[in-house]
Structures are given as structure tokens and as C-alpha cells.
Amino acid sequence: MSKVTRLRHALPLSHDVNAAVSALDKAIADAVDAAKEAGLPQGLIVGLLHGHAHAQTHQMVIE
């Protein structure tokens, strides 16, 4: 977990970090919109997002 940065210690965030967060947020929102338009059930979308969040959290904790 040595690569995890607490944001309150890194403030203010650099322009590059802000741009990356904005791009990630937009990509997630666009993917969710596309999934909804394709007819995926909302529960499946939420479950997939939750699974990825859990997997990434696990990866951060074990590193």
C-alpha cells in the first residue's frame, strides 16, 4: 500500500492529476450511458462497477 497517496497530503493537486481524474470520470459516465442505451440492467452495471472498485482496492491493499 506504499503507492497510495492520501489526497489531503497532496493538495493542491497538479493540473495533470486533475485532468486525469476528469478524463476518468467522463470515461466512466460515457461507458455507463452506453451500457444503459444497450439495455443492460442497472443492477448489472452497478455490480460490475462495484466489482472493479473492490478489485482495485484489494490490489492497492496487497501491494
N, C-alpha and C. Protein backbone atom coordinates (compact mmCIF):
# COMPACT_ATOMS: atom_id res chain seq x y z
N MET A 1 0.81 -1.18 0.00
CA MET A 1 0.00 0.00 0.00
C MET A 1 0.86 1.26 0.00
N SER A 2 2.13 1.11 -0.27
CA SER A 2 3.05 2.24 -0.23
C SER A 2 2.82 3.23 -1.36
N LYS A 3 2.13 2.82 -2.42
CA LYS A 3 1.90 3.72 -3.55
C LYS A 3 0.60 4.51 -3.43
N VAL A 4 -0.14 4.30 -2.34
CA VAL A 4 -1.39 5.01 -2.13
C VAL A 4 -1.08 6.37 -1.52
N THR A 5 -1.64 7.42 -2.12
CA THR A 5 -1.42 8.78 -1.64
C THR A 5 -2.70 9.32 -1.04
N ARG A 6 -2.61 9.81 0.15
CA ARG A 6 -3.76 10.47 0.75
C ARG A 6 -3.88 11.85 0.11
N LEU A 7 -5.02 12.14 -0.47
CA LEU A 7 -5.18 13.39 -1.20
C LEU A 7 -4.97 14.61 -0.33
N ARG A 8 -5.35 14.55 0.94
CA ARG A 8 -5.20 15.74 1.78
C ARG A 8 -3.73 16.10 1.97
N HIS A 9 -2.82 15.14 1.78
CA HIS A 9 -1.40 15.42 1.90
C HIS A 9 -0.79 15.88 0.57
N ALA A 10 -1.54 15.71 -0.50
CA ALA A 10 -1.02 16.06 -1.82
C ALA A 10 -1.66 17.33 -2.37
N LEU A 11 -2.49 17.97 -1.58
CA LEU A 11 -3.18 19.16 -2.08
C LEU A 11 -2.23 20.33 -2.15
N PRO A 12 -2.33 21.25 -3.07
CA PRO A 12 -3.27 21.19 -4.19
C PRO A 12 -2.78 20.19 -5.24
N LEU A 13 -3.74 19.57 -5.91
CA LEU A 13 -3.40 18.58 -6.92
C LEU A 13 -2.90 19.26 -8.18
N SER A 14 -2.00 18.59 -8.87
CA SER A 14 -1.44 19.17 -10.09
C SER A 14 -2.49 19.18 -11.20
N HIS A 15 -2.22 19.98 -12.20
CA HIS A 15 -3.11 20.05 -13.37
C HIS A 15 -3.24 18.68 -14.03
N ASP A 16 -2.14 17.95 -14.10
CA ASP A 16 -2.16 16.62 -14.73
C ASP A 16 -3.07 15.66 -13.97
N VAL A 17 -3.02 15.70 -12.66
CA VAL A 17 -3.87 14.83 -11.84
C VAL A 17 -5.33 15.22 -12.03
N ASN A 18 -5.61 16.51 -11.99
CA ASN A 18 -6.99 16.98 -12.19
C ASN A 18 -7.51 16.57 -13.56
N ALA A 19 -6.67 16.68 -14.59
CA ALA A 19 -7.08 16.29 -15.94
C ALA A 19 -7.34 14.79 -16.01
N ALA A 20 -6.49 14.00 -15.36
CA ALA A 20 -6.67 12.55 -15.37
C ALA A 20 -7.95 12.14 -14.64
N VAL A 21 -8.24 12.80 -13.52
CA VAL A 21 -9.47 12.50 -12.78
C VAL A 21 -10.69 12.86 -13.62
N SER A 22 -10.65 14.01 -14.27
CA SER A 22 -11.77 14.42 -15.12
C SER A 22 -11.96 13.46 -16.29
N ALA A 23 -10.87 13.03 -16.90
CA ALA A 23 -10.96 12.10 -18.02
C ALA A 23 -11.51 10.74 -17.57
N LEU A 24 -11.07 10.27 -16.42
CA LEU A 24 -11.57 9.01 -15.87
C LEU A 24 -13.06 9.12 -15.57
N ASP A 25 -13.46 10.20 -14.94
CA ASP A 25 -14.87 10.41 -14.61
C ASP A 25 -15.73 10.43 -15.87
N LYS A 26 -15.27 11.13 -16.90
CA LYS A 26 -16.02 11.21 -18.15
C LYS A 26 -16.10 9.85 -18.83
N ALA A 27 -15.00 9.10 -18.83
CA ALA A 27 -14.99 7.78 -19.46
C ALA A 27 -15.95 6.83 -18.76
N ILE A 28 -15.99 6.89 -17.43
CA ILE A 28 -16.91 6.04 -16.68
C ILE A 28 -18.35 6.44 -16.99
N ALA A 29 -18.65 7.73 -16.95
CA ALA A 29 -20.01 8.20 -17.23
C ALA A 29 -20.44 7.82 -18.65
N ASP A 30 -19.54 7.97 -19.62
CA ASP A 30 -19.86 7.61 -21.00
C ASP A 30 -20.11 6.10 -21.13
N ALA A 31 -19.31 5.30 -20.45
CA ALA A 31 -19.48 3.85 -20.51
C ALA A 31 -20.80 3.43 -19.86
N VAL A 32 -21.16 4.06 -18.75
CA VAL A 32 -22.44 3.75 -18.10
C VAL A 32 -23.60 4.15 -19.01
N ASP A 33 -23.51 5.31 -19.63
CA ASP A 33 -24.56 5.74 -20.56
C ASP A 33 -24.70 4.77 -21.73
N ALA A 34 -23.57 4.34 -22.28
CA ALA A 34 -23.60 3.38 -23.40
C ALA A 34 -24.21 2.05 -22.96
N ALA A 35 -23.88 1.62 -21.76
CA ALA A 35 -24.43 0.36 -21.26
C ALA A 35 -25.94 0.46 -21.07
N LYS A 36 -26.40 1.59 -20.56
CA LYS A 36 -27.84 1.80 -20.39
C LYS A 36 -28.55 1.80 -21.75
N GLU A 37 -27.96 2.49 -22.71
CA GLU A 37 -28.55 2.55 -24.06
C GLU A 37 -28.59 1.17 -24.71
N ALA A 38 -27.63 0.32 -24.37
CA ALA A 38 -27.59 -1.03 -24.94
C ALA A 38 -28.58 -1.96 -24.24
N GLY A 39 -29.18 -1.46 -23.16
CA GLY A 39 -30.20 -2.25 -22.49
C GLY A 39 -29.72 -3.10 -21.33
N LEU A 40 -28.50 -2.89 -20.87
CA LEU A 40 -28.04 -3.64 -19.71
C LEU A 40 -28.85 -3.24 -18.49
N PRO A 41 -29.21 -4.21 -17.67
CA PRO A 41 -29.93 -3.88 -16.44
C PRO A 41 -29.06 -3.03 -15.52
N GLN A 42 -29.69 -2.08 -14.85
CA GLN A 42 -28.95 -1.17 -13.99
C GLN A 42 -28.21 -1.92 -12.89
N GLY A 43 -28.81 -2.99 -12.37
CA GLY A 43 -28.15 -3.77 -11.34
C GLY A 43 -26.86 -4.40 -11.83
N LEU A 44 -26.83 -4.83 -13.08
CA LEU A 44 -25.61 -5.41 -13.65
C LEU A 44 -24.53 -4.35 -13.78
N ILE A 45 -24.91 -3.16 -14.21
CA ILE A 45 -23.95 -2.06 -14.34
C ILE A 45 -23.35 -1.74 -12.97
N VAL A 46 -24.20 -1.61 -11.97
CA VAL A 46 -23.74 -1.30 -10.62
C VAL A 46 -22.84 -2.42 -10.09
N GLY A 47 -23.24 -3.67 -10.34
CA GLY A 47 -22.45 -4.80 -9.88
C GLY A 47 -21.07 -4.83 -10.51
N LEU A 48 -21.00 -4.54 -11.80
CA LEU A 48 -19.70 -4.51 -12.48
C LEU A 48 -18.81 -3.40 -11.93
N LEU A 49 -19.38 -2.22 -11.75
CA LEU A 49 -18.60 -1.10 -11.20
C LEU A 49 -18.12 -1.42 -9.79
N HIS A 50 -19.01 -2.01 -8.99
CA HIS A 50 -18.63 -2.37 -7.62
C HIS A 50 -17.52 -3.42 -7.63
N GLY A 51 -17.62 -4.40 -8.51
CA GLY A 51 -16.60 -5.43 -8.60
C GLY A 51 -15.24 -4.87 -8.97
N HIS A 52 -15.22 -3.95 -9.93
CA HIS A 52 -13.95 -3.33 -10.33
C HIS A 52 -13.38 -2.47 -9.19
N ALA A 53 -14.24 -1.74 -8.50
CA ALA A 53 -13.78 -0.93 -7.36
C ALA A 53 -13.20 -1.83 -6.27
N HIS A 54 -13.87 -2.94 -6.00
CA HIS A 54 -13.38 -3.86 -4.98
C HIS A 54 -12.03 -4.46 -5.40
N ALA A 55 -11.91 -4.86 -6.65
CA ALA A 55 -10.66 -5.45 -7.14
C ALA A 55 -9.50 -4.45 -7.06
N GLN A 56 -9.76 -3.20 -7.43
CA GLN A 56 -8.70 -2.19 -7.37
C GLN A 56 -8.31 -1.89 -5.93
N THR A 57 -9.29 -1.84 -5.03
CA THR A 57 -8.99 -1.63 -3.62
C THR A 57 -8.14 -2.78 -3.08
N HIS A 58 -8.51 -4.00 -3.43
CA HIS A 58 -7.74 -5.17 -2.99
C HIS A 58 -6.31 -5.10 -3.50
N GLN A 59 -6.16 -4.72 -4.76
CA GLN A 59 -4.82 -4.63 -5.35
C GLN A 59 -3.98 -3.58 -4.61
N MET A 60 -4.57 -2.45 -4.25
CA MET A 60 -3.82 -1.41 -3.53
C MET A 60 -3.41 -1.90 -2.15
N VAL A 61 -4.28 -2.65 -1.49
CA VAL A 61 -4.01 -3.09 -0.12
C VAL A 61 -2.90 -4.14 -0.08
N ILE A 62 -2.83 -5.02 -1.08
CA ILE A 62 -1.85 -6.10 -1.03
C ILE A 62 -0.48 -5.69 -1.57
N GLU A 63 -0.38 -4.55 -2.22
CA GLU A 63 0.92 -4.12 -2.77
C GLU A 63 1.82 -3.57 -1.69
